[in-house]
Amino acid sequence: MKKEEIIKKFIHYIQIEKQYSSETIRAYENDLKEFNKIAIGKQNKSLLTVNEIDVENYLNYMHNKGDQRNTILRKVSSIRSFYNYLIKSDITKNQPFEYVHLKKKQNRLPKFLYPNEIKELFKSAHNGTNEALIPRNIAILELLFSTGLRVSECAALTISHIDFNNRIMDIWGKGNKQRFVPFSQETLQALRVYIRTTRQTLMNDYHQDHGYLFINHHANPITTRGIEYILDAILKNSSINGNIYPHMFRHTFATDMLNNGADLRSVQELLGHSSLSTTQIYTHVTKENLLKNYNQFFPRSKE
């Protein structure tokens, strides 16, 4: 069986049976392409006969290239999954990554944004250089802060999946799992302003009629990368020092919910986490914040 055919079967498996997102599938494809190029290269070899030496060469390549530990862990996990699939499908008995055990770094607590930083981001969005797109950018900020959506979910959102009267959205997240997520009155107002101004104007100008909520300046559905670019531009136009990455909006939402008394199960449902343990990391953030406030404001803790 040719390597192209083997990879195609695996991609079909993770797409249809595992129901991975298009971004995850693309990452798997890129990882396998790189592994095939580096580990096998010009050798007259099959993916089925890769050995530990080939794997070691690939690990050295990633290290010398400067890949971060988490990137290497992800790539190894992708390719190990590929070989596990081949074994499960009786295509091979060879698992070249069987003895590859990379230690994970200790999990860092998720970073979140403070109220003054959130205020600064909205101020920056209101002062955007392209006045016509300001309502869209504000609507994106409001939605991310009030729902904890993944950026990819925000990009994929359609108007038909939004119940404006009851302020709730029908979201299809990772693994094609459905969940319902409410949103704030402020978000509702921002969405309505955006839809009747920026979106309507661009859709008419470019003769578009699709149902995607967020669009780019040519009225095409916005991409995940497009939203990341918008957030990056808003940050650069602000007075905030330091790095802010898109997932921090999600972290901020979860932390705020827990700090204000929401139960863990509800936050898990809102975020679309399949495991409660994934959500529990935010309890460590809130505990850390509580301790910080305690040490700062309780008189005897300063003695």
Protein backbone atom coordinates (compact mmCIF):
# COMPACT_ATOMS: atom_id res chain seq x y z
CA MET A 1 0.00 0.00 0.00
CA LYS A 2 1.41 3.41 -1.00
CA LYS A 3 2.10 5.92 1.74
CA GLU A 4 -0.30 8.45 0.18
CA GLU A 5 -3.10 5.88 0.38
CA ILE A 6 -2.22 4.99 3.98
CA ILE A 7 -2.28 8.62 5.07
CA LYS A 8 -5.53 9.21 3.19
CA LYS A 9 -7.19 6.32 5.05
CA PHE A 10 -6.02 7.72 8.39
CA ILE A 11 -7.26 11.23 7.59
CA HIS A 12 -10.62 9.78 6.59
CA TYR A 13 -10.72 7.92 9.92
CA ILE A 14 -10.10 11.00 12.09
CA GLN A 15 -12.49 13.06 10.01
CA ILE A 16 -15.45 10.66 9.85
CA GLU A 17 -15.12 8.41 12.89
CA LYS A 18 -13.28 10.68 15.33
CA GLN A 19 -15.00 13.82 13.97
CA TYR A 20 -11.97 16.02 14.53
CA SER A 21 -12.21 19.67 13.52
CA SER A 22 -10.80 20.84 10.19
CA GLU A 23 -7.97 22.65 12.01
CA THR A 24 -6.98 19.50 13.92
CA ILE A 25 -7.08 17.44 10.73
CA ARG A 26 -4.89 20.00 8.98
CA ALA A 27 -2.39 19.82 11.86
CA TYR A 28 -2.27 16.00 11.58
CA GLU A 29 -1.68 16.25 7.82
CA ASN A 30 1.15 18.74 8.29
CA ASP A 31 2.74 16.65 11.05
CA LEU A 32 2.68 13.50 8.92
CA LYS A 33 4.01 15.40 5.91
CA GLU A 34 6.94 16.71 7.94
CA PHE A 35 7.62 13.32 9.52
CA ASN A 36 7.56 11.63 6.13
CA LYS A 37 9.98 14.20 4.71
CA ILE A 38 12.47 14.16 7.60
CA ALA A 39 12.32 10.60 8.95
CA ILE A 40 12.17 8.89 5.58
CA GLY A 41 13.46 11.57 3.23
CA LYS A 42 15.21 10.16 0.20
CA GLN A 43 15.53 6.71 1.73
CA ASN A 44 13.87 3.94 -0.19
CA LYS A 45 11.64 3.25 2.75
CA SER A 46 7.99 2.82 3.62
CA LEU A 47 6.09 4.42 6.48
CA LEU A 48 5.51 0.85 7.63
CA THR A 49 9.22 0.15 8.11
CA VAL A 50 10.19 3.26 10.06
CA ASN A 51 12.35 2.35 13.05
CA GLU A 52 13.61 3.92 16.28
CA ILE A 53 16.63 5.47 14.54
CA ASP A 54 14.35 7.28 12.09
CA VAL A 55 12.27 8.53 15.01
CA GLU A 56 15.38 9.73 16.84
CA ASN A 57 16.49 11.63 13.74
CA TYR A 58 13.08 13.28 13.59
CA LEU A 59 13.18 14.26 17.27
CA ASN A 60 16.65 15.75 16.77
CA TYR A 61 15.40 17.65 13.74
CA MET A 62 12.54 19.24 15.71
CA HIS A 63 14.86 20.11 18.58
CA ASN A 64 17.47 21.69 16.28
CA LYS A 65 14.75 23.58 14.42
CA GLY A 66 13.75 25.20 17.68
CA ASP A 67 10.31 23.65 18.10
CA GLN A 68 8.88 24.31 21.57
CA ARG A 69 8.35 21.35 23.90
CA ASN A 70 4.57 21.52 23.57
CA THR A 71 4.87 21.55 19.77
CA ILE A 72 7.10 18.47 19.85
CA LEU A 73 4.68 16.73 22.22
CA ARG A 74 1.79 17.48 19.90
CA LYS A 75 3.61 16.22 16.80
CA VAL A 76 4.72 13.02 18.52
CA SER A 77 1.16 12.46 19.72
CA SER A 78 -0.17 12.93 16.18
CA ILE A 79 2.23 10.46 14.61
CA ARG A 80 1.87 7.94 17.44
CA SER A 81 -1.90 8.06 16.85
CA PHE A 82 -1.28 7.42 13.16
CA TYR A 83 0.69 4.24 13.90
CA ASN A 84 -1.85 3.12 16.51
CA TYR A 85 -4.49 3.39 13.80
CA LEU A 86 -2.35 1.30 11.40
CA ILE A 87 -1.92 -1.38 14.07
CA LYS A 88 -5.63 -1.36 14.89
CA SER A 89 -6.43 -1.70 11.17
CA ASP A 90 -4.00 -4.64 10.76
CA ILE A 91 -1.93 -2.65 8.28
CA THR A 92 1.23 -3.03 10.36
CA LYS A 93 2.47 -4.29 13.71
CA ASN A 94 5.17 -1.65 13.86
CA GLN A 95 4.90 1.16 16.43
CA PRO A 96 8.17 3.11 16.15
CA PHE A 97 7.07 5.57 18.85
CA GLU A 98 6.44 2.85 21.43
CA TYR A 99 9.47 3.76 23.53
CA VAL A 100 9.32 7.52 23.01
CA HIS A 101 8.36 9.06 26.35
CA LEU A 102 8.71 12.82 26.55
CA LYS A 103 8.09 14.42 29.91
CA LYS A 104 5.37 17.02 29.94
CA LYS A 105 6.05 20.36 31.50
CA GLN A 106 4.13 21.09 34.65
CA ASN A 107 0.82 22.65 33.68
CA ARG A 108 0.88 26.40 33.97
CA LEU A 109 -2.20 28.12 35.30
CA PRO A 110 -4.21 29.78 32.52
CA LYS A 111 -3.73 33.53 32.30
CA PHE A 112 -6.73 35.82 32.31
CA LEU A 113 -7.42 39.50 31.74
CA TYR A 114 -8.13 41.99 34.51
CA PRO A 115 -11.03 44.49 34.33
CA ASN A 116 -8.73 47.42 33.50
CA GLU A 117 -7.20 45.42 30.62
CA ILE A 118 -10.64 44.50 29.27
CA LYS A 119 -11.67 48.17 29.43
CA GLU A 120 -8.52 49.13 27.55
CA LEU A 121 -9.19 46.60 24.79
CA PHE A 122 -12.70 47.94 24.24
CA LYS A 123 -11.33 51.48 24.19
CA SER A 124 -8.83 50.42 21.54
CA ALA A 125 -11.56 48.73 19.48
CA HIS A 126 -13.71 51.89 19.61
CA ASN A 127 -10.74 53.90 18.31
CA GLY A 128 -10.01 51.57 15.38
CA THR A 129 -8.53 53.02 12.20
CA ASN A 130 -11.21 51.52 9.91
CA GLU A 131 -14.40 53.15 11.17
CA ALA A 132 -16.67 50.91 9.07
CA LEU A 133 -15.36 47.77 10.79
CA ILE A 134 -15.51 49.08 14.37
CA PRO A 135 -19.00 47.61 15.09
CA ARG A 136 -17.80 44.17 13.98
CA ASN A 137 -14.68 44.28 16.14
CA ILE A 138 -16.64 45.41 19.20
CA ALA A 139 -19.19 42.63 18.61
CA ILE A 140 -16.38 40.05 18.45
CA LEU A 141 -14.91 41.30 21.74
CA GLU A 142 -18.30 41.31 23.46
CA LEU A 143 -19.07 37.80 22.25
CA LEU A 144 -15.74 36.31 23.31
CA PHE A 145 -15.83 37.91 26.75
CA SER A 146 -19.45 37.03 27.52
CA THR A 147 -19.52 33.45 26.21
CA GLY A 148 -16.05 31.90 26.46
CA LEU A 149 -16.33 30.64 22.87
CA ARG A 150 -13.25 29.31 21.14
CA VAL A 151 -12.11 31.65 18.36
CA SER A 152 -12.80 28.88 15.84
CA GLU A 153 -16.38 28.59 17.15
CA CYS A 154 -16.81 32.34 16.87
CA ALA A 155 -15.67 32.23 13.23
CA ALA A 156 -18.02 29.34 12.41
CA LEU A 157 -21.09 30.93 14.01
CA THR A 158 -24.10 31.55 11.76
CA ILE A 159 -27.00 33.91 12.37
CA SER A 160 -29.46 31.01 12.20
CA HIS A 161 -27.81 29.50 15.30
CA ILE A 162 -28.53 32.59 17.40
CA ASP A 163 -31.78 33.06 19.32
CA PHE A 164 -31.77 36.84 19.75
CA ASN A 165 -35.02 36.93 21.73
CA ASN A 166 -33.77 34.55 24.42
CA ARG A 167 -30.09 35.51 24.12
CA ILE A 168 -28.76 32.00 23.56
CA MET A 169 -26.63 30.37 20.86
CA ASP A 170 -26.50 26.87 19.43
CA ILE A 171 -22.78 26.01 19.27
CA TRP A 172 -21.15 23.03 17.57
CA GLY A 173 -17.72 22.63 19.12
CA LYS A 174 -14.89 20.13 19.19
CA GLY A 175 -15.82 16.64 18.06
CA ASN A 176 -18.99 18.11 16.53
CA LYS A 177 -20.55 18.31 20.01
CA GLN A 178 -23.55 20.56 20.49
CA ARG A 179 -24.07 22.92 23.41
CA PHE A 180 -26.19 25.96 24.17
CA VAL A 181 -24.48 29.14 25.35
CA PRO A 182 -26.28 32.27 26.62
CA PHE A 183 -24.89 35.75 26.08
CA SER A 184 -25.23 39.14 27.76
CA GLN A 185 -27.52 42.06 27.01
CA GLU A 186 -24.43 44.10 26.05
CA THR A 187 -23.46 41.43 23.55
CA LEU A 188 -26.98 41.40 22.10
CA GLN A 189 -26.84 45.16 21.58
CA ALA A 190 -23.37 44.97 19.98
CA LEU A 191 -24.48 42.17 17.63
CA ARG A 192 -27.58 44.07 16.52
CA VAL A 193 -25.59 47.22 15.81
CA TYR A 194 -23.01 45.23 13.82
CA ILE A 195 -25.61 43.27 11.82
CA ARG A 196 -27.60 46.33 10.74
CA THR A 197 -24.51 48.45 9.92
CA THR A 198 -21.21 46.83 8.97
CA ARG A 199 -22.54 43.43 8.00
CA GLN A 200 -25.56 44.64 6.03
CA THR A 201 -23.52 47.24 4.12
CA LEU A 202 -20.73 44.83 3.16
CA MET A 203 -23.12 42.00 2.25
CA ASN A 204 -25.00 44.37 -0.08
CA ASP A 205 -21.85 45.91 -1.57
CA TYR A 206 -20.34 42.51 -2.42
CA HIS A 207 -23.65 40.79 -3.27
CA GLN A 208 -23.22 38.06 -0.67
CA ASP A 209 -26.06 36.09 0.89
CA HIS A 210 -24.42 33.49 3.19
CA GLY A 211 -25.47 33.14 6.81
CA TYR A 212 -22.14 33.46 8.62
CA LEU A 213 -22.27 36.05 11.38
CA PHE A 214 -18.80 37.54 11.16
CA ILE A 215 -17.36 38.61 7.81
CA ASN A 216 -14.17 40.18 6.51
CA HIS A 217 -13.93 43.45 4.56
CA HIS A 218 -14.96 41.62 1.36
CA ALA A 219 -18.05 40.12 3.06
CA ASN A 220 -16.62 36.61 2.98
CA PRO A 221 -16.97 34.47 6.12
CA ILE A 222 -14.19 35.39 8.50
CA THR A 223 -11.58 32.76 9.36
CA THR A 224 -10.10 31.85 12.73
CA ARG A 225 -6.88 33.50 11.63
CA GLY A 226 -8.86 36.58 10.62
CA ILE A 227 -10.27 36.98 14.13
CA GLU A 228 -6.80 36.44 15.61
CA TYR A 229 -5.50 39.21 13.35
CA ILE A 230 -8.28 41.56 14.51
CA LEU A 231 -7.53 40.85 18.18
CA ASP A 232 -3.82 41.38 17.57
CA ALA A 233 -4.51 44.75 15.93
CA ILE A 234 -6.74 45.81 18.84
CA LEU A 235 -4.00 44.87 21.30
CA LYS A 236 -1.30 46.76 19.38
CA ASN A 237 -3.51 49.85 19.34
CA SER A 238 -3.94 49.68 23.13
CA SER A 239 -1.70 50.72 26.02
CA ILE A 240 -1.45 47.15 27.34
CA ASN A 241 2.07 45.83 27.74
CA GLY A 242 2.77 42.14 27.38
CA ASN A 243 1.33 39.31 25.36
CA ILE A 244 -2.37 38.57 25.07
CA TYR A 245 -3.38 35.49 23.13
CA PRO A 246 -6.93 34.68 21.90
CA HIS A 247 -7.55 31.86 24.38
CA MET A 248 -7.17 34.35 27.25
CA PHE A 249 -10.69 35.60 26.51
CA ARG A 250 -11.95 32.08 27.20
CA HIS A 251 -9.81 31.86 30.35
CA THR A 252 -11.17 35.20 31.51
CA PHE A 253 -14.77 34.10 31.01
CA ALA A 254 -14.26 30.88 32.99
CA THR A 255 -12.40 32.62 35.80
CA ASP A 256 -15.02 35.38 36.09
CA MET A 257 -17.84 32.83 36.21
CA LEU A 258 -16.21 30.87 39.02
CA ASN A 259 -15.19 33.99 40.93
CA ASN A 260 -18.82 35.12 40.88
CA GLY A 261 -20.22 31.87 42.23
CA ALA A 262 -20.94 29.67 39.20
CA ASP A 263 -20.65 25.94 39.86
CA LEU A 264 -17.98 23.92 38.09
CA ARG A 265 -20.44 21.72 36.18
CA SER A 266 -22.19 24.74 34.64
CA VAL A 267 -18.90 26.26 33.54
CA GLN A 268 -17.91 22.90 32.04
CA GLU A 269 -21.12 22.87 30.00
CA LEU A 270 -20.69 26.46 28.84
CA LEU A 271 -17.09 25.89 27.74
CA GLY A 272 -17.87 22.58 26.06
CA HIS A 273 -15.24 20.63 27.99
CA SER A 274 -15.72 16.87 27.69
CA SER A 275 -13.94 16.32 31.01
CA LEU A 276 -14.55 18.13 34.29
CA SER A 277 -10.83 17.90 35.06
CA THR A 278 -10.15 20.30 32.19
CA THR A 279 -12.42 22.87 33.79
CA GLN A 280 -11.01 22.29 37.27
CA ILE A 281 -7.76 24.06 36.40
CA TYR A 282 -9.70 27.34 36.65
CA THR A 283 -10.45 26.62 40.30
CA HIS A 284 -6.70 26.85 40.92
CA VAL A 285 -6.69 30.26 39.26
CA THR A 286 -9.53 31.51 41.45
CA LYS A 287 -7.88 30.10 44.59
CA GLU A 288 -4.64 31.83 43.66
CA ASN A 289 -6.54 35.07 43.15
CA LEU A 290 -8.32 34.67 46.50
CA LEU A 291 -5.02 34.12 48.29
CA LYS A 292 -3.50 37.15 46.59
CA ASN A 293 -6.42 39.34 47.70
CA TYR A 294 -6.31 37.86 51.20
CA ASN A 295 -2.62 38.61 51.59
CA GLN A 296 -3.15 42.10 50.23
CA PHE A 297 -6.17 43.14 52.26
CA PHE A 298 -6.24 41.09 55.47
CA PRO A 299 -4.20 43.12 57.99
CA ARG A 300 -2.68 40.25 59.95
CA SER A 301 -1.45 38.51 56.81
CA LYS A 302 1.01 41.38 56.33
CA GLU A 303 2.65 40.96 59.73
